[in-house]
Amino acid sequence: MNKILIIIFLTICSYSSFGQTINGIPIKDLDVQYLQILGTSKLMSSKLTITIDIGQKTKFFSNNTDETLLKDEKGEGLIFNSMIDALNFLSANGYEFVTAYVLTVGNQNVYHYLMKKNK
């Protein structure tokens, strides 16, 4: 029974590690050296919406973050508890922390973390 549970657990872990995408590309397969994590707090929540800037083209007048939103295997946006949660996620997916800064837009903090791909 324990062997079956271990096999199921490993299968789920390997499936979920390939499920996270940016603009339809698995995060581990991105052909970029650097990326930037942008964390914006959600209204009436302690959680963050994380978008990833890899230099991709986005629509100028669009407020749609669909091209930059980190999505799960179901195509839904991932929600992180904190920037450290997002940092740990990207570290587990082959990126290392470079620097961070915060900008306040209106009354909302926007967190910026620069990451570099491990070789």
N, C-alpha and C. Protein backbone atom coordinates (compact mmCIF):
# COMPACT_ATOMS: atom_id res chain seq x y z
N MET A 1 0.82 -1.20 0.00
CA MET A 1 0.00 0.00 0.00
C MET A 1 0.87 1.26 0.00
N ASN A 2 1.94 1.24 0.81
CA ASN A 2 2.83 2.39 0.87
C ASN A 2 3.50 2.67 -0.47
N LYS A 3 3.85 1.61 -1.19
CA LYS A 3 4.49 1.78 -2.50
C LYS A 3 3.53 2.45 -3.48
N ILE A 4 2.27 2.08 -3.42
CA ILE A 4 1.26 2.69 -4.30
C ILE A 4 1.10 4.17 -3.98
N LEU A 5 1.05 4.51 -2.70
CA LEU A 5 0.92 5.91 -2.31
C LEU A 5 2.13 6.73 -2.75
N ILE A 6 3.32 6.15 -2.63
CA ILE A 6 4.54 6.85 -3.06
C ILE A 6 4.52 7.08 -4.57
N ILE A 7 4.11 6.08 -5.33
CA ILE A 7 4.04 6.21 -6.79
C ILE A 7 3.01 7.28 -7.17
N ILE A 8 1.86 7.27 -6.52
CA ILE A 8 0.84 8.29 -6.81
C ILE A 8 1.36 9.68 -6.47
N PHE A 9 2.01 9.82 -5.32
CA PHE A 9 2.55 11.10 -4.91
C PHE A 9 3.60 11.61 -5.90
N LEU A 10 4.51 10.75 -6.31
CA LEU A 10 5.56 11.16 -7.26
C LEU A 10 4.97 11.52 -8.62
N THR A 11 3.94 10.81 -9.03
CA THR A 11 3.28 11.11 -10.29
C THR A 11 2.61 12.48 -10.23
N ILE A 12 1.93 12.76 -9.14
CA ILE A 12 1.27 14.06 -8.99
C ILE A 12 2.29 15.18 -8.94
N CYS A 13 3.38 14.98 -8.20
CA CYS A 13 4.43 16.01 -8.11
C CYS A 13 5.06 16.28 -9.46
N SER A 14 5.37 15.24 -10.21
CA SER A 14 6.00 15.46 -11.51
C SER A 14 5.02 16.10 -12.47
N TYR A 15 3.73 15.75 -12.38
CA TYR A 15 2.72 16.35 -13.24
C TYR A 15 2.55 17.83 -12.92
N SER A 16 2.48 18.15 -11.63
CA SER A 16 2.25 19.54 -11.26
C SER A 16 3.47 20.41 -11.51
N SER A 17 4.68 19.86 -11.49
CA SER A 17 5.86 20.68 -11.73
C SER A 17 5.95 21.11 -13.19
N PHE A 18 5.31 20.40 -14.10
CA PHE A 18 5.32 20.77 -15.50
C PHE A 18 4.08 21.56 -15.88
N GLY A 19 3.14 21.72 -14.95
CA GLY A 19 1.89 22.36 -15.27
C GLY A 19 1.93 23.87 -15.23
N GLN A 20 2.87 24.49 -14.53
CA GLN A 20 2.91 25.93 -14.41
C GLN A 20 3.47 26.54 -15.68
N THR A 21 2.72 27.48 -16.24
CA THR A 21 3.12 28.08 -17.51
C THR A 21 3.01 29.60 -17.46
N ILE A 22 3.76 30.22 -18.36
CA ILE A 22 3.64 31.64 -18.64
C ILE A 22 3.39 31.76 -20.12
N ASN A 23 2.26 32.33 -20.45
CA ASN A 23 1.88 32.49 -21.86
C ASN A 23 1.92 31.15 -22.61
N GLY A 24 1.51 30.07 -21.90
CA GLY A 24 1.45 28.75 -22.51
C GLY A 24 2.76 27.97 -22.53
N ILE A 25 3.85 28.55 -22.03
CA ILE A 25 5.16 27.88 -22.03
C ILE A 25 5.48 27.43 -20.61
N PRO A 26 5.83 26.16 -20.41
CA PRO A 26 6.21 25.71 -19.06
C PRO A 26 7.38 26.54 -18.52
N ILE A 27 7.30 26.87 -17.25
CA ILE A 27 8.28 27.79 -16.65
C ILE A 27 9.72 27.29 -16.78
N LYS A 28 9.92 25.98 -16.72
CA LYS A 28 11.28 25.44 -16.85
C LYS A 28 11.80 25.52 -18.28
N ASP A 29 10.89 25.67 -19.26
CA ASP A 29 11.29 25.70 -20.67
C ASP A 29 11.43 27.11 -21.24
N LEU A 30 11.28 28.13 -20.41
CA LEU A 30 11.40 29.51 -20.90
C LEU A 30 12.81 29.75 -21.41
N ASP A 31 12.93 30.36 -22.57
CA ASP A 31 14.23 30.64 -23.17
C ASP A 31 14.67 32.06 -22.82
N VAL A 32 14.81 32.31 -21.52
CA VAL A 32 15.24 33.62 -21.03
C VAL A 32 16.28 33.42 -19.94
N GLN A 33 17.20 34.39 -19.83
CA GLN A 33 18.20 34.35 -18.77
C GLN A 33 17.68 35.00 -17.49
N TYR A 34 16.88 36.07 -17.64
CA TYR A 34 16.34 36.81 -16.51
C TYR A 34 14.83 36.90 -16.61
N LEU A 35 14.19 37.00 -15.44
CA LEU A 35 12.77 37.31 -15.40
C LEU A 35 12.51 38.13 -14.15
N GLN A 36 11.37 38.80 -14.15
CA GLN A 36 11.00 39.62 -13.01
C GLN A 36 9.66 39.16 -12.48
N ILE A 37 9.61 38.93 -11.16
CA ILE A 37 8.36 38.59 -10.50
C ILE A 37 7.72 39.90 -10.05
N LEU A 38 6.46 40.10 -10.40
CA LEU A 38 5.71 41.26 -9.93
C LEU A 38 4.59 40.76 -9.04
N GLY A 39 4.58 41.20 -7.81
CA GLY A 39 3.55 40.78 -6.86
C GLY A 39 2.66 41.94 -6.50
N THR A 40 1.36 41.76 -6.72
CA THR A 40 0.38 42.79 -6.41
C THR A 40 -0.62 42.21 -5.42
N SER A 41 -0.86 42.92 -4.33
CA SER A 41 -1.79 42.40 -3.35
C SER A 41 -3.21 42.39 -3.90
N LYS A 42 -3.95 41.36 -3.50
CA LYS A 42 -5.34 41.23 -3.93
C LYS A 42 -6.21 42.05 -2.99
N LEU A 43 -7.26 42.62 -3.51
CA LEU A 43 -8.18 43.43 -2.73
C LEU A 43 -8.84 42.57 -1.65
N MET A 44 -8.82 43.06 -0.44
CA MET A 44 -9.44 42.40 0.70
C MET A 44 -8.85 41.01 0.97
N SER A 45 -7.56 40.82 0.73
CA SER A 45 -6.92 39.53 0.93
C SER A 45 -5.45 39.75 1.31
N SER A 46 -4.89 38.78 1.99
CA SER A 46 -3.46 38.85 2.31
C SER A 46 -2.63 38.14 1.24
N LYS A 47 -3.27 37.55 0.26
CA LYS A 47 -2.58 36.84 -0.81
C LYS A 47 -2.17 37.79 -1.93
N LEU A 48 -1.29 37.31 -2.82
CA LEU A 48 -0.78 38.12 -3.92
C LEU A 48 -1.12 37.50 -5.26
N THR A 49 -1.31 38.36 -6.25
CA THR A 49 -1.37 37.91 -7.63
C THR A 49 0.02 38.12 -8.20
N ILE A 50 0.58 37.07 -8.75
CA ILE A 50 1.94 37.12 -9.27
C ILE A 50 1.89 37.13 -10.79
N THR A 51 2.58 38.09 -11.38
CA THR A 51 2.77 38.09 -12.82
C THR A 51 4.27 38.01 -13.08
N ILE A 52 4.62 37.50 -14.24
CA ILE A 52 6.02 37.30 -14.59
C ILE A 52 6.33 38.09 -15.85
N ASP A 53 7.37 38.90 -15.77
CA ASP A 53 7.83 39.68 -16.92
C ASP A 53 9.07 39.01 -17.48
N ILE A 54 8.94 38.48 -18.71
CA ILE A 54 10.09 37.87 -19.37
C ILE A 54 10.45 38.65 -20.62
N GLY A 55 9.87 39.85 -20.76
CA GLY A 55 10.12 40.67 -21.93
C GLY A 55 9.14 40.39 -23.06
N GLN A 56 8.08 39.65 -22.75
CA GLN A 56 7.10 39.31 -23.77
C GLN A 56 6.28 40.53 -24.16
N LYS A 57 5.79 40.51 -25.39
CA LYS A 57 4.93 41.59 -25.86
C LYS A 57 3.57 41.47 -25.18
N THR A 58 3.07 42.62 -24.75
CA THR A 58 1.72 42.67 -24.21
C THR A 58 0.97 43.78 -24.92
N LYS A 59 -0.33 43.71 -24.88
CA LYS A 59 -1.14 44.73 -25.53
C LYS A 59 -1.04 46.03 -24.74
N PHE A 60 -0.80 47.14 -25.44
CA PHE A 60 -0.52 48.42 -24.79
C PHE A 60 -1.71 48.94 -23.98
N PHE A 61 -2.89 48.95 -24.55
CA PHE A 61 -4.05 49.52 -23.86
C PHE A 61 -4.86 48.48 -23.11
N SER A 62 -4.37 47.27 -23.04
CA SER A 62 -5.11 46.21 -22.38
C SER A 62 -4.71 46.14 -20.92
N ASN A 63 -5.70 45.95 -20.06
CA ASN A 63 -5.43 45.71 -18.64
C ASN A 63 -5.41 44.21 -18.36
N ASN A 64 -5.47 43.42 -19.41
CA ASN A 64 -5.49 41.97 -19.30
C ASN A 64 -4.08 41.46 -19.04
N THR A 65 -3.88 40.80 -17.91
CA THR A 65 -2.56 40.28 -17.57
C THR A 65 -2.42 38.82 -17.98
N ASP A 66 -3.25 38.37 -18.92
CA ASP A 66 -3.25 36.97 -19.31
C ASP A 66 -1.90 36.50 -19.82
N GLU A 67 -1.15 37.36 -20.52
CA GLU A 67 0.14 36.95 -21.07
C GLU A 67 1.23 36.85 -20.01
N THR A 68 1.04 37.47 -18.85
CA THR A 68 2.08 37.50 -17.83
C THR A 68 1.71 36.74 -16.57
N LEU A 69 0.48 36.26 -16.50
CA LEU A 69 0.02 35.56 -15.30
C LEU A 69 0.58 34.15 -15.27
N LEU A 70 1.10 33.76 -14.13
CA LEU A 70 1.60 32.42 -13.93
C LEU A 70 0.40 31.52 -13.69
N LYS A 71 0.24 30.49 -14.52
CA LYS A 71 -0.96 29.65 -14.47
C LYS A 71 -0.63 28.22 -14.09
N ASP A 72 -1.62 27.55 -13.52
CA ASP A 72 -1.45 26.14 -13.18
C ASP A 72 -1.85 25.26 -14.36
N GLU A 73 -1.85 23.95 -14.14
CA GLU A 73 -2.14 23.01 -15.22
C GLU A 73 -3.57 23.12 -15.73
N LYS A 74 -4.46 23.75 -14.97
CA LYS A 74 -5.84 23.95 -15.40
C LYS A 74 -6.03 25.27 -16.15
N GLY A 75 -4.96 26.07 -16.25
CA GLY A 75 -5.05 27.36 -16.93
C GLY A 75 -5.52 28.49 -16.02
N GLU A 76 -5.58 28.25 -14.73
CA GLU A 76 -6.02 29.26 -13.77
C GLU A 76 -4.80 29.93 -13.15
N GLY A 77 -4.93 31.22 -12.83
CA GLY A 77 -3.83 31.95 -12.24
C GLY A 77 -3.45 31.42 -10.88
N LEU A 78 -2.14 31.27 -10.65
CA LEU A 78 -1.65 30.81 -9.35
C LEU A 78 -1.71 31.96 -8.36
N ILE A 79 -2.09 31.66 -7.15
CA ILE A 79 -2.14 32.64 -6.08
C ILE A 79 -1.11 32.21 -5.03
N PHE A 80 -0.24 33.15 -4.66
CA PHE A 80 0.80 32.86 -3.68
C PHE A 80 0.48 33.57 -2.37
N ASN A 81 0.92 33.00 -1.27
CA ASN A 81 0.68 33.59 0.04
C ASN A 81 1.54 34.82 0.28
N SER A 82 2.72 34.84 -0.32
CA SER A 82 3.65 35.95 -0.12
C SER A 82 4.66 35.95 -1.26
N MET A 83 5.49 36.98 -1.29
CA MET A 83 6.54 37.03 -2.30
C MET A 83 7.57 35.93 -2.03
N ILE A 84 7.78 35.58 -0.78
CA ILE A 84 8.71 34.50 -0.46
C ILE A 84 8.17 33.17 -1.00
N ASP A 85 6.87 32.99 -0.96
CA ASP A 85 6.24 31.80 -1.54
C ASP A 85 6.54 31.74 -3.05
N ALA A 86 6.39 32.87 -3.75
CA ALA A 86 6.69 32.93 -5.18
C ALA A 86 8.19 32.74 -5.43
N LEU A 87 9.02 33.34 -4.59
CA LEU A 87 10.47 33.21 -4.71
C LEU A 87 10.90 31.75 -4.55
N ASN A 88 10.35 31.06 -3.57
CA ASN A 88 10.66 29.64 -3.37
C ASN A 88 10.18 28.81 -4.56
N PHE A 89 9.02 29.14 -5.11
CA PHE A 89 8.49 28.43 -6.27
C PHE A 89 9.44 28.56 -7.46
N LEU A 90 9.89 29.78 -7.75
CA LEU A 90 10.79 29.99 -8.89
C LEU A 90 12.17 29.40 -8.63
N SER A 91 12.62 29.42 -7.38
CA SER A 91 13.89 28.80 -7.04
C SER A 91 13.82 27.29 -7.30
N ALA A 92 12.71 26.68 -6.97
CA ALA A 92 12.52 25.25 -7.23
C ALA A 92 12.43 24.95 -8.72
N ASN A 93 12.15 25.98 -9.52
CA ASN A 93 12.04 25.80 -10.97
C ASN A 93 13.26 26.33 -11.72
N GLY A 94 14.40 26.47 -11.04
CA GLY A 94 15.65 26.75 -11.72
C GLY A 94 16.08 28.20 -11.77
N TYR A 95 15.53 29.07 -10.93
CA TYR A 95 15.93 30.48 -10.93
C TYR A 95 16.50 30.86 -9.58
N GLU A 96 17.43 31.83 -9.59
CA GLU A 96 17.99 32.34 -8.34
C GLU A 96 17.72 33.83 -8.21
N PHE A 97 17.60 34.25 -6.97
CA PHE A 97 17.29 35.65 -6.65
C PHE A 97 18.48 36.55 -6.96
N VAL A 98 18.20 37.75 -7.55
CA VAL A 98 19.24 38.74 -7.83
C VAL A 98 19.03 39.97 -6.95
N THR A 99 17.87 40.61 -7.06
CA THR A 99 17.59 41.81 -6.26
C THR A 99 16.08 42.03 -6.17
N ALA A 100 15.69 42.92 -5.26
CA ALA A 100 14.26 43.21 -5.09
C ALA A 100 14.07 44.68 -4.73
N TYR A 101 12.90 45.20 -5.08
CA TYR A 101 12.50 46.54 -4.69
C TYR A 101 10.98 46.63 -4.71
N VAL A 102 10.45 47.65 -4.03
CA VAL A 102 9.01 47.84 -3.94
C VAL A 102 8.67 49.23 -4.46
N LEU A 103 7.61 49.31 -5.27
CA LEU A 103 7.06 50.59 -5.72
C LEU A 103 5.63 50.69 -5.21
N THR A 104 5.24 51.89 -4.79
CA THR A 104 3.86 52.10 -4.37
C THR A 104 3.12 52.81 -5.48
N VAL A 105 2.06 52.19 -5.95
CA VAL A 105 1.23 52.74 -7.01
C VAL A 105 -0.14 52.98 -6.39
N GLY A 106 -0.53 54.26 -6.30
CA GLY A 106 -1.75 54.57 -5.57
C GLY A 106 -1.50 54.26 -4.11
N ASN A 107 -2.35 53.44 -3.53
CA ASN A 107 -2.15 52.99 -2.15
C ASN A 107 -1.75 51.51 -2.10
N GLN A 108 -1.24 51.01 -3.22
CA GLN A 108 -0.95 49.59 -3.32
C GLN A 108 0.54 49.37 -3.58
N ASN A 109 1.15 48.48 -2.82
CA ASN A 109 2.55 48.12 -3.03
C ASN A 109 2.65 47.10 -4.16
N VAL A 110 3.63 47.31 -5.05
CA VAL A 110 3.93 46.36 -6.11
C VAL A 110 5.37 45.91 -5.88
N TYR A 111 5.52 44.61 -5.62
CA TYR A 111 6.83 44.04 -5.30
C TYR A 111 7.49 43.54 -6.59
N HIS A 112 8.77 43.84 -6.75
CA HIS A 112 9.53 43.45 -7.93
C HIS A 112 10.73 42.63 -7.48
N TYR A 113 10.83 41.40 -7.96
CA TYR A 113 11.97 40.54 -7.66
C TYR A 113 12.61 40.14 -8.98
N LEU A 114 13.88 40.43 -9.14
CA LEU A 114 14.62 40.04 -10.34
C LEU A 114 15.26 38.68 -10.09
N MET A 115 15.05 37.77 -11.05
CA MET A 115 15.55 36.41 -10.94
C MET A 115 16.44 36.08 -12.13
N LYS A 116 17.43 35.22 -11.90
CA LYS A 116 18.33 34.78 -12.97
C LYS A 116 18.26 33.27 -13.06
N LYS A 117 18.24 32.76 -14.29
CA LYS A 117 18.17 31.31 -14.50
C LYS A 117 19.49 30.66 -14.14
N ASN A 118 19.41 29.56 -13.36
CA ASN A 118 20.60 28.78 -13.05
C ASN A 118 21.06 28.06 -14.31
N LYS A 119 22.35 27.91 -14.45
CA LYS A 119 22.88 27.21 -15.63
C LYS A 119 23.11 25.76 -15.36
